[in-house]
Amino acid sequence: MKNILLLTDFTDKSENAHDYALQLFTGQSCDFHLLSVQKFWEYTMDDLMVANPKDDIASALLNDNKSDLQKTKEALILKSKDEDFNFHTMVDYDVFTSAVNDAVKKYHIDLIICGTDGKSGIIEYIFSSHTLRIIRNTDCPVLAVPTEYSYEKPTAVQFILDYDDIFDECGKVVFLELVSKFRSTINVMRFSHGFQIDPINYREEREAFIKFCLPSPVIYELHKDQEPLMIIKKSLSSRNYQLQAISVKSQSFLERMISESHLSEIVNAATLPLLVLRDCNS
């Protein structure tokens, strides 16, 4: 039984991500946990004035969310009536990433799925979008689904190894299960730069990746001192992928500001569902 955390803010991007999740896990037994995190500042004094006097503040803030979440749950049940899926709902008014991490721990979540609209800017670069905050502040794999993306079976997958990532089998369980289920072809794009601190034996890495993914076929490409986003976009335009994957390390605020990692750019530029895996050595 898989435990999947579906994040929702009741927007089109959330609904699209939910639909993608239902199709991705068709034929499997899954528990889907729907989480809505309410921000205090979205409420006005009027909202509290019309609340039931017998309710505490928390109840007053969360009642509308509970109602909307129940409607979302009922819609998902209807869409997946022939599947072995169970749906659970929860609302929280905690700090966003704290609420997500609490749910991951409490329900033994295997994968977080959320929608992303790819918006970027200086504020997001400094403080991060919700998607980036989840990626940087949780140890659970995350699947970010772009708003406009319609589900296709991930039979061709692009796996990105950025300069600061050394391939390791640890933390790749979800990835291996997906490529095995869909018998995917995997195109590994290894990026390397002259300032790389840890030496990498690319031949050994290639052989380890191929062995790990058997029987799925693997194509391994090495790109030295090239701009990752340009190479990734070129590859996407010439080949029909349905999923991208990348593994990441945890970074502090200061480390992120001075790092040359391309995580933010890759997330914000994603036009395909992006599976973000956790480096066990983070």
C-alpha atoms as a PDB file:
ATOM      1  CA  MET A   1       0.000   0.000   0.000  1.00  0.00           C
ATOM      2  CA  LYS A   2       1.442   3.352  -1.088  1.00  0.00           C
ATOM      3  CA  ASN A   3       0.919   6.460   1.021  1.00  0.00           C
ATOM      4  CA  ILE A   4       0.731   9.533  -1.219  1.00  0.00           C
ATOM      5  CA  LEU A   5       0.401  13.082   0.094  1.00  0.00           C
ATOM      6  CA  LEU A   6      -1.642  15.310  -2.238  1.00  0.00           C
ATOM      7  CA  LEU A   7      -1.258  19.016  -1.509  1.00  0.00           C
ATOM      8  CA  THR A   8      -4.149  21.265  -2.443  1.00  0.00           C
ATOM      9  CA  ASP A   9      -4.970  24.966  -2.466  1.00  0.00           C
ATOM     10  CA  PHE A  10      -8.207  24.366  -4.436  1.00  0.00           C
ATOM     11  CA  THR A  11      -6.764  25.827  -7.648  1.00  0.00           C
ATOM     12  CA  ASP A  12      -6.525  24.399 -11.163  1.00  0.00           C
ATOM     13  CA  LYS A  13      -2.879  23.485 -10.619  1.00  0.00           C
ATOM     14  CA  SER A  14      -3.802  21.343  -7.599  1.00  0.00           C
ATOM     15  CA  GLU A  15      -6.674  19.650  -9.410  1.00  0.00           C
ATOM     16  CA  ASN A  16      -4.426  18.865 -12.369  1.00  0.00           C
ATOM     17  CA  ALA A  17      -1.799  17.351 -10.053  1.00  0.00           C
ATOM     18  CA  HIS A  18      -4.473  15.212  -8.370  1.00  0.00           C
ATOM     19  CA  ASP A  19      -5.726  13.921 -11.729  1.00  0.00           C
ATOM     20  CA  TYR A  20      -2.149  13.107 -12.734  1.00  0.00           C
ATOM     21  CA  ALA A  21      -1.626  11.161  -9.503  1.00  0.00           C
ATOM     22  CA  LEU A  22      -4.768   9.064 -10.020  1.00  0.00           C
ATOM     23  CA  GLN A  23      -3.629   8.052 -13.499  1.00  0.00           C
ATOM     24  CA  LEU A  24      -0.002   7.472 -12.504  1.00  0.00           C
ATOM     25  CA  PHE A  25      -0.982   4.987  -9.810  1.00  0.00           C
ATOM     26  CA  THR A  26      -3.769   3.256 -11.730  1.00  0.00           C
ATOM     27  CA  GLY A  27      -3.793  -0.460 -10.942  1.00  0.00           C
ATOM     28  CA  GLN A  28      -2.032  -0.025  -7.600  1.00  0.00           C
ATOM     29  CA  SER A  29      -3.317  -0.007  -4.044  1.00  0.00           C
ATOM     30  CA  CYS A  30      -2.881   3.514  -2.619  1.00  0.00           C
ATOM     31  CA  ASP A  31      -3.853   5.679   0.315  1.00  0.00           C
ATOM     32  CA  PHE A  32      -4.100   9.315  -0.789  1.00  0.00           C
ATOM     33  CA  HIS A  33      -3.836  11.905   1.986  1.00  0.00           C
ATOM     34  CA  LEU A  34      -5.258  15.292   0.973  1.00  0.00           C
ATOM     35  CA  LEU A  35      -3.666  18.192   2.853  1.00  0.00           C
ATOM     36  CA  SER A  36      -4.718  21.826   2.847  1.00  0.00           C
ATOM     37  CA  VAL A  37      -2.654  24.311   4.846  1.00  0.00           C
ATOM     38  CA  GLN A  38      -4.526  27.484   5.787  1.00  0.00           C
ATOM     39  CA  LYS A  39      -2.651  30.763   6.142  1.00  0.00           C
ATOM     40  CA  PHE A  40      -3.856  32.949   9.028  1.00  0.00           C
ATOM     41  CA  TRP A  41      -3.438  36.164   7.043  1.00  0.00           C
ATOM     42  CA  GLU A  42      -5.968  35.010   4.440  1.00  0.00           C
ATOM     43  CA  TYR A  43      -8.682  35.551   7.017  1.00  0.00           C
ATOM     44  CA  THR A  44     -10.228  38.880   7.941  1.00  0.00           C
ATOM     45  CA  MET A  45     -12.009  39.975  11.077  1.00  0.00           C
ATOM     46  CA  ASP A  46     -15.298  39.519   9.201  1.00  0.00           C
ATOM     47  CA  ASP A  47     -14.578  35.799   8.814  1.00  0.00           C
ATOM     48  CA  LEU A  48     -14.201  35.452  12.550  1.00  0.00           C
ATOM     49  CA  MET A  49     -17.260  37.612  13.292  1.00  0.00           C
ATOM     50  CA  VAL A  50     -19.588  35.322  11.355  1.00  0.00           C
ATOM     51  CA  ALA A  51     -18.132  32.152  12.894  1.00  0.00           C
ATOM     52  CA  ASN A  52     -20.102  30.161  15.451  1.00  0.00           C
ATOM     53  CA  PRO A  53     -19.415  31.679  18.918  1.00  0.00           C
ATOM     54  CA  LYS A  54     -19.036  28.157  20.319  1.00  0.00           C
ATOM     55  CA  ASP A  55     -16.151  27.429  17.991  1.00  0.00           C
ATOM     56  CA  ASP A  56     -12.574  28.141  18.987  1.00  0.00           C
ATOM     57  CA  ILE A  57     -10.390  30.267  16.687  1.00  0.00           C
ATOM     58  CA  ALA A  58      -8.816  27.220  15.046  1.00  0.00           C
ATOM     59  CA  SER A  59     -12.231  25.800  14.155  1.00  0.00           C
ATOM     60  CA  ALA A  60     -13.369  29.149  12.782  1.00  0.00           C
ATOM     61  CA  LEU A  61     -10.323  29.350  10.551  1.00  0.00           C
ATOM     62  CA  LEU A  62     -10.509  25.783   9.287  1.00  0.00           C
ATOM     63  CA  ASN A  63     -14.217  25.103   8.737  1.00  0.00           C
ATOM     64  CA  ASP A  64     -14.321  26.441   5.165  1.00  0.00           C
ATOM     65  CA  ASN A  65     -11.224  24.462   4.252  1.00  0.00           C
ATOM     66  CA  LYS A  66     -12.718  21.269   5.666  1.00  0.00           C
ATOM     67  CA  SER A  67     -15.818  21.724   3.544  1.00  0.00           C
ATOM     68  CA  ASP A  68     -13.826  22.388   0.356  1.00  0.00           C
ATOM     69  CA  LEU A  69     -11.513  19.479   1.101  1.00  0.00           C
ATOM     70  CA  GLN A  70     -14.463  17.119   1.521  1.00  0.00           C
ATOM     71  CA  LYS A  71     -15.794  18.193  -1.889  1.00  0.00           C
ATOM     72  CA  THR A  72     -12.362  17.543  -3.425  1.00  0.00           C
ATOM     73  CA  LYS A  73     -12.264  14.111  -1.814  1.00  0.00           C
ATOM     74  CA  GLU A  74     -15.722  13.210  -3.159  1.00  0.00           C
ATOM     75  CA  ALA A  75     -14.714  14.285  -6.666  1.00  0.00           C
ATOM     76  CA  LEU A  76     -11.569  12.124  -6.544  1.00  0.00           C
ATOM     77  CA  ILE A  77     -13.522   9.110  -5.279  1.00  0.00           C
ATOM     78  CA  LEU A  78     -15.915   9.488  -8.202  1.00  0.00           C
ATOM     79  CA  LYS A  79     -13.052   9.737 -10.720  1.00  0.00           C
ATOM     80  CA  SER A  80     -11.363   6.603  -9.372  1.00  0.00           C
ATOM     81  CA  LYS A  81     -14.331   4.431  -8.409  1.00  0.00           C
ATOM     82  CA  ASP A  82     -12.837   1.338 -10.097  1.00  0.00           C
ATOM     83  CA  GLU A  83      -9.453   1.655  -8.367  1.00  0.00           C
ATOM     84  CA  ASP A  84      -8.187   0.342  -5.012  1.00  0.00           C
ATOM     85  CA  PHE A  85      -7.727   3.858  -3.639  1.00  0.00           C
ATOM     86  CA  ASN A  86      -8.525   5.248  -0.201  1.00  0.00           C
ATOM     87  CA  PHE A  87      -8.761   8.992   0.455  1.00  0.00           C
ATOM     88  CA  HIS A  88      -8.176  10.854   3.700  1.00  0.00           C
ATOM     89  CA  THR A  89      -8.414  14.590   4.405  1.00  0.00           C
ATOM     90  CA  MET A  90      -6.580  16.884   6.792  1.00  0.00           C
ATOM     91  CA  VAL A  91      -6.343  20.620   7.281  1.00  0.00           C
ATOM     92  CA  ASP A  92      -3.714  22.555   9.189  1.00  0.00           C
ATOM     93  CA  TYR A  93      -2.912  26.181   9.948  1.00  0.00           C
ATOM     94  CA  ASP A  94       0.739  25.584  10.799  1.00  0.00           C
ATOM     95  CA  VAL A  95       3.764  26.939   8.943  1.00  0.00           C
ATOM     96  CA  PHE A  96       3.494  25.377   5.473  1.00  0.00           C
ATOM     97  CA  THR A  97       6.602  23.189   5.474  1.00  0.00           C
ATOM     98  CA  SER A  98       6.051  22.179   9.114  1.00  0.00           C
ATOM     99  CA  ALA A  99       2.536  20.983   8.275  1.00  0.00           C
ATOM    100  CA  VAL A 100       3.873  18.973   5.323  1.00  0.00           C
ATOM    101  CA  ASN A 101       6.655  17.400   7.380  1.00  0.00           C
ATOM    102  CA  ASP A 102       4.235  16.529  10.188  1.00  0.00           C
ATOM    103  CA  ALA A 103       1.978  14.742   7.684  1.00  0.00           C
ATOM    104  CA  VAL A 104       4.933  12.912   6.106  1.00  0.00           C
ATOM    105  CA  LYS A 105       6.002  11.581   9.499  1.00  0.00           C
ATOM    106  CA  LYS A 106       2.521  10.772  10.837  1.00  0.00           C
ATOM    107  CA  TYR A 107       1.247   8.934   7.755  1.00  0.00           C
ATOM    108  CA  HIS A 108       4.545   7.397   6.571  1.00  0.00           C
ATOM    109  CA  ILE A 109       4.291   9.202   3.253  1.00  0.00           C
ATOM    110  CA  ASP A 110       6.195   7.684   0.316  1.00  0.00           C
ATOM    111  CA  LEU A 111       5.697  10.569  -2.123  1.00  0.00           C
ATOM    112  CA  ILE A 112       4.421  14.153  -2.072  1.00  0.00           C
ATOM    113  CA  ILE A 113       2.563  15.333  -5.184  1.00  0.00           C
ATOM    114  CA  CYS A 114       1.860  19.005  -5.829  1.00  0.00           C
ATOM    115  CA  GLY A 115       1.052  21.328  -8.712  1.00  0.00           C
ATOM    116  CA  THR A 116       3.392  24.040  -9.901  1.00  0.00           C
ATOM    117  CA  ASP A 117       2.848  26.992 -12.225  1.00  0.00           C
ATOM    118  CA  GLY A 118       6.538  27.634 -12.867  1.00  0.00           C
ATOM    119  CA  LYS A 119       6.377  31.291 -11.812  1.00  0.00           C
ATOM    120  CA  SER A 120       9.713  32.752 -10.773  1.00  0.00           C
ATOM    121  CA  GLY A 121      11.168  36.043  -9.667  1.00  0.00           C
ATOM    122  CA  ILE A 122      13.494  37.658  -7.141  1.00  0.00           C
ATOM    123  CA  ILE A 123      11.111  37.066  -4.218  1.00  0.00           C
ATOM    124  CA  GLU A 124      10.804  33.380  -5.094  1.00  0.00           C
ATOM    125  CA  TYR A 125      14.558  33.161  -5.613  1.00  0.00           C
ATOM    126  CA  ILE A 126      15.221  34.423  -2.097  1.00  0.00           C
ATOM    127  CA  PHE A 127      12.326  32.952  -0.159  1.00  0.00           C
ATOM    128  CA  SER A 128      11.346  30.110  -2.529  1.00  0.00           C
ATOM    129  CA  SER A 129       7.974  29.100  -3.907  1.00  0.00           C
ATOM    130  CA  HIS A 130       5.943  26.508  -2.020  1.00  0.00           C
ATOM    131  CA  THR A 131       7.301  23.797  -4.325  1.00  0.00           C
ATOM    132  CA  LEU A 132      10.914  24.792  -3.730  1.00  0.00           C
ATOM    133  CA  ARG A 133      10.337  25.104   0.014  1.00  0.00           C
ATOM    134  CA  ILE A 134       8.950  21.579   0.130  1.00  0.00           C
ATOM    135  CA  ILE A 135      11.879  20.252  -1.914  1.00  0.00           C
ATOM    136  CA  ARG A 136      14.453  21.976   0.267  1.00  0.00           C
ATOM    137  CA  ASN A 137      12.860  21.275   3.641  1.00  0.00           C
ATOM    138  CA  THR A 138      11.554  17.721   3.537  1.00  0.00           C
ATOM    139  CA  ASP A 139      13.286  14.361   3.259  1.00  0.00           C
ATOM    140  CA  CYS A 140      10.429  12.885   1.227  1.00  0.00           C
ATOM    141  CA  PRO A 141      10.460  12.589  -2.585  1.00  0.00           C
ATOM    142  CA  VAL A 142       8.352  15.225  -4.356  1.00  0.00           C
ATOM    143  CA  LEU A 143       6.579  15.056  -7.706  1.00  0.00           C
ATOM    144  CA  ALA A 144       5.801  18.537  -9.081  1.00  0.00           C
ATOM    145  CA  VAL A 145       3.251  18.593 -11.913  1.00  0.00           C
ATOM    146  CA  PRO A 146       3.022  21.697 -14.156  1.00  0.00           C
ATOM    147  CA  THR A 147      -0.441  23.220 -14.437  1.00  0.00           C
ATOM    148  CA  GLU A 148      -0.790  22.745 -18.196  1.00  0.00           C
ATOM    149  CA  TYR A 149       0.567  19.191 -18.351  1.00  0.00           C
ATOM    150  CA  SER A 150      -1.829  16.397 -19.347  1.00  0.00           C
ATOM    151  CA  TYR A 151      -0.993  12.887 -18.198  1.00  0.00           C
ATOM    152  CA  GLU A 152       1.077  10.621 -20.416  1.00  0.00           C
ATOM    153  CA  LYS A 153       2.618   7.327 -19.352  1.00  0.00           C
ATOM    154  CA  PRO A 154       6.267   8.006 -18.418  1.00  0.00           C
ATOM    155  CA  THR A 155       7.840   5.584 -20.863  1.00  0.00           C
ATOM    156  CA  ALA A 156      10.763   7.950 -21.533  1.00  0.00           C
ATOM    157  CA  VAL A 157      12.431   9.594 -18.528  1.00  0.00           C
ATOM    158  CA  GLN A 158      15.174  12.203 -18.350  1.00  0.00           C
ATOM    159  CA  PHE A 159      17.336  11.848 -15.212  1.00  0.00           C
ATOM    160  CA  ILE A 160      19.439  14.921 -14.404  1.00  0.00           C
ATOM    161  CA  LEU A 161      22.684  14.619 -12.449  1.00  0.00           C
ATOM    162  CA  ASP A 162      23.801  18.153 -11.634  1.00  0.00           C
ATOM    163  CA  TYR A 163      27.413  18.947 -10.791  1.00  0.00           C
ATOM    164  CA  ASP A 164      26.874  18.512  -7.015  1.00  0.00           C
ATOM    165  CA  ASP A 165      25.083  15.158  -7.233  1.00  0.00           C
ATOM    166  CA  ILE A 166      26.897  11.824  -7.204  1.00  0.00           C
ATOM    167  CA  PHE A 167      24.660   8.903  -8.113  1.00  0.00           C
ATOM    168  CA  ASP A 168      23.721   6.599  -5.265  1.00  0.00           C
ATOM    169  CA  GLU A 169      21.001   3.940  -5.126  1.00  0.00           C
ATOM    170  CA  CYS A 170      19.829   5.218  -1.742  1.00  0.00           C
ATOM    171  CA  GLY A 171      16.709   7.376  -1.963  1.00  0.00           C
ATOM    172  CA  LYS A 172      15.744   6.168  -5.443  1.00  0.00           C
ATOM    173  CA  VAL A 173      13.034   3.615  -4.523  1.00  0.00           C
ATOM    174  CA  VAL A 174      10.103   5.630  -5.924  1.00  0.00           C
ATOM    175  CA  PHE A 175      12.012   6.275  -9.148  1.00  0.00           C
ATOM    176  CA  LEU A 176      12.865   2.612  -9.609  1.00  0.00           C
ATOM    177  CA  GLU A 177       9.261   1.534  -8.971  1.00  0.00           C
ATOM    178  CA  LEU A 178       7.934   3.969 -11.587  1.00  0.00           C
ATOM    179  CA  VAL A 179      10.414   3.096 -14.353  1.00  0.00           C
ATOM    180  CA  SER A 180       9.861  -0.612 -13.656  1.00  0.00           C
ATOM    181  CA  LYS A 181       6.085  -0.241 -13.819  1.00  0.00           C
ATOM    182  CA  PHE A 182       6.148   1.636 -17.134  1.00  0.00           C
ATOM    183  CA  ARG A 183       9.236  -0.088 -18.571  1.00  0.00           C
ATOM    184  CA  SER A 184      10.716   3.320 -19.155  1.00  0.00           C
ATOM    185  CA  THR A 185      13.778   4.214 -21.155  1.00  0.00           C
ATOM    186  CA  ILE A 186      16.046   6.431 -19.035  1.00  0.00           C
ATOM    187  CA  ASN A 187      18.270   9.148 -20.447  1.00  0.00           C
ATOM    188  CA  VAL A 188      20.832  10.190 -17.825  1.00  0.00           C
ATOM    189  CA  MET A 189      22.233  13.677 -18.345  1.00  0.00           C
ATOM    190  CA  ARG A 190      25.398  14.064 -16.254  1.00  0.00           C
ATOM    191  CA  PHE A 191      26.611  17.662 -15.903  1.00  0.00           C
ATOM    192  CA  SER A 192      30.160  18.345 -14.799  1.00  0.00           C
ATOM    193  CA  HIS A 193      32.101  21.550 -14.186  1.00  0.00           C
ATOM    194  CA  GLY A 194      35.752  22.425 -13.822  1.00  0.00           C
ATOM    195  CA  PHE A 195      35.306  23.444 -10.182  1.00  0.00           C
ATOM    196  CA  GLN A 196      33.851  20.053  -9.194  1.00  0.00           C
ATOM    197  CA  ILE A 197      35.173  19.205  -5.727  1.00  0.00           C
ATOM    198  CA  ASP A 198      34.449  15.473  -5.596  1.00  0.00           C
ATOM    199  CA  PRO A 199      36.060  13.516  -8.454  1.00  0.00           C
ATOM    200  CA  ILE A 200      33.657  11.262 -10.352  1.00  0.00           C
ATOM    201  CA  ASN A 201      34.529   8.105 -12.255  1.00  0.00           C
ATOM    202  CA  TYR A 202      31.961   8.509 -15.019  1.00  0.00           C
ATOM    203  CA  ARG A 203      32.406   5.008 -16.405  1.00  0.00           C
ATOM    204  CA  GLU A 204      31.727   3.460 -12.995  1.00  0.00           C
ATOM    205  CA  GLU A 205      28.756   5.774 -12.446  1.00  0.00           C
ATOM    206  CA  ARG A 206      27.302   4.815 -15.827  1.00  0.00           C
ATOM    207  CA  GLU A 207      27.687   1.097 -15.070  1.00  0.00           C
ATOM    208  CA  ALA A 208      26.162   1.511 -11.599  1.00  0.00           C
ATOM    209  CA  PHE A 209      23.147   3.372 -13.015  1.00  0.00           C
ATOM    210  CA  ILE A 210      22.587   0.755 -15.735  1.00  0.00           C
ATOM    211  CA  LYS A 211      22.804  -2.079 -13.206  1.00  0.00           C
ATOM    212  CA  PHE A 212      20.434  -0.309 -10.803  1.00  0.00           C
ATOM    213  CA  CYS A 213      17.756   0.251 -13.456  1.00  0.00           C
ATOM    214  CA  LEU A 214      17.786  -3.216 -15.039  1.00  0.00           C
ATOM    215  CA  PRO A 215      15.908  -4.250 -17.112  1.00  0.00           C
ATOM    216  CA  SER A 216      15.036  -0.657 -18.084  1.00  0.00           C
ATOM    217  CA  PRO A 217      17.391   0.606 -20.814  1.00  0.00           C
ATOM    218  CA  VAL A 218      19.702   3.507 -19.874  1.00  0.00           C
ATOM    219  CA  ILE A 219      21.382   6.110 -22.093  1.00  0.00           C
ATOM    220  CA  TYR A 220      24.171   7.993 -20.266  1.00  0.00           C
ATOM    221  CA  GLU A 221      25.349  11.371 -21.558  1.00  0.00           C
ATOM    222  CA  LEU A 222      28.241  13.404 -20.132  1.00  0.00           C
ATOM    223  CA  HIS A 223      28.153  17.190 -20.545  1.00  0.00           C
ATOM    224  CA  LYS A 224      31.283  18.969 -19.317  1.00  0.00           C
ATOM    225  CA  ASP A 225      31.317  22.721 -18.659  1.00  0.00           C
ATOM    226  CA  GLN A 226      28.035  23.273 -20.480  1.00  0.00           C
ATOM    227  CA  GLU A 227      25.019  25.288 -19.374  1.00  0.00           C
ATOM    228  CA  PRO A 228      22.545  22.700 -17.979  1.00  0.00           C
ATOM    229  CA  LEU A 229      19.312  24.546 -18.786  1.00  0.00           C
ATOM    230  CA  MET A 230      20.309  25.040 -22.406  1.00  0.00           C
ATOM    231  CA  ILE A 231      21.263  21.361 -22.821  1.00  0.00           C
ATOM    232  CA  ILE A 232      18.106  20.173 -21.025  1.00  0.00           C
ATOM    233  CA  LYS A 233      15.850  22.316 -23.223  1.00  0.00           C
ATOM    234  CA  LYS A 234      17.629  21.123 -26.357  1.00  0.00           C
ATOM    235  CA  SER A 235      17.173  17.514 -25.283  1.00  0.00           C
ATOM    236  CA  LEU A 236      13.478  18.055 -24.528  1.00  0.00           C
ATOM    237  CA  SER A 237      12.902  19.567 -27.959  1.00  0.00           C
ATOM    238  CA  SER A 238      14.515  16.632 -29.755  1.00  0.00           C
ATOM    239  CA  ARG A 239      13.118  13.743 -27.688  1.00  0.00           C
ATOM    240  CA  ASN A 240       9.669  12.928 -26.361  1.00  0.00           C
ATOM    241  CA  TYR A 241      10.037  12.610 -22.584  1.00  0.00           C
ATOM    242  CA  GLN A 242       7.110  12.337 -20.182  1.00  0.00           C
ATOM    243  CA  LEU A 243       8.982  12.722 -16.881  1.00  0.00           C
ATOM    244  CA  GLN A 244      12.108  14.369 -15.486  1.00  0.00           C
ATOM    245  CA  ALA A 245      13.921  13.260 -12.340  1.00  0.00           C
ATOM    246  CA  ILE A 246      16.628  14.841 -10.214  1.00  0.00           C
ATOM    247  CA  SER A 247      18.116  14.150  -6.783  1.00  0.00           C
ATOM    248  CA  VAL A 248      18.944  17.011  -4.424  1.00  0.00           C
ATOM    249  CA  LYS A 249      20.757  17.798  -1.201  1.00  0.00           C
ATOM    250  CA  SER A 250      19.465  19.948   1.639  1.00  0.00           C
ATOM    251  CA  GLN A 251      20.792  23.506   1.608  1.00  0.00           C
ATOM    252  CA  SER A 252      20.777  26.265   4.171  1.00  0.00           C
ATOM    253  CA  PHE A 253      19.612  29.758   3.182  1.00  0.00           C
ATOM    254  CA  LEU A 254      23.223  31.008   2.931  1.00  0.00           C
ATOM    255  CA  GLU A 255      24.410  27.959   0.996  1.00  0.00           C
ATOM    256  CA  ARG A 256      21.570  28.422  -1.478  1.00  0.00           C
ATOM    257  CA  MET A 257      22.476  32.069  -2.082  1.00  0.00           C
ATOM    258  CA  ILE A 258      26.085  31.244  -3.018  1.00  0.00           C
ATOM    259  CA  SER A 259      25.589  27.805  -4.555  1.00  0.00           C
ATOM    260  CA  GLU A 260      26.017  27.118  -8.251  1.00  0.00           C
ATOM    261  CA  SER A 261      23.391  24.342  -8.116  1.00  0.00           C
ATOM    262  CA  HIS A 262      20.741  24.686 -10.816  1.00  0.00           C
ATOM    263  CA  LEU A 263      17.842  23.306  -8.754  1.00  0.00           C
ATOM    264  CA  SER A 264      15.748  26.492  -8.715  1.00  0.00           C
ATOM    265  CA  GLU A 265      16.158  27.070 -12.439  1.00  0.00           C
ATOM    266  CA  ILE A 266      15.308  23.448 -13.259  1.00  0.00           C
ATOM    267  CA  VAL A 267      12.165  23.507 -11.077  1.00  0.00           C
ATOM    268  CA  ASN A 268      10.974  26.858 -12.412  1.00  0.00           C
ATOM    269  CA  ALA A 269      11.683  25.914 -16.039  1.00  0.00           C
ATOM    270  CA  ALA A 270      10.035  22.478 -15.830  1.00  0.00           C
ATOM    271  CA  THR A 271       7.416  21.787 -18.491  1.00  0.00           C
ATOM    272  CA  LEU A 272       7.160  18.096 -17.570  1.00  0.00           C
ATOM    273  CA  PRO A 273       6.343  16.449 -14.257  1.00  0.00           C
ATOM    274  CA  LEU A 274       9.529  16.649 -12.174  1.00  0.00           C
ATOM    275  CA  LEU A 275      10.348  13.895  -9.675  1.00  0.00           C
ATOM    276  CA  VAL A 276      12.685  15.257  -7.007  1.00  0.00           C
ATOM    277  CA  LEU A 277      14.476  12.557  -5.030  1.00  0.00           C
ATOM    278  CA  ARG A 278      16.290  12.995  -1.740  1.00  0.00           C
ATOM    279  CA  ASP A 279      20.022  12.394  -1.485  1.00  0.00           C
ATOM    280  CA  CYS A 280      20.474  10.078   1.518  1.00  0.00           C
ATOM    281  CA  ASN A 281      23.737  11.828   2.327  1.00  0.00           C
ATOM    282  CA  SER A 282      22.053  15.275   2.640  1.00  0.00           C
END
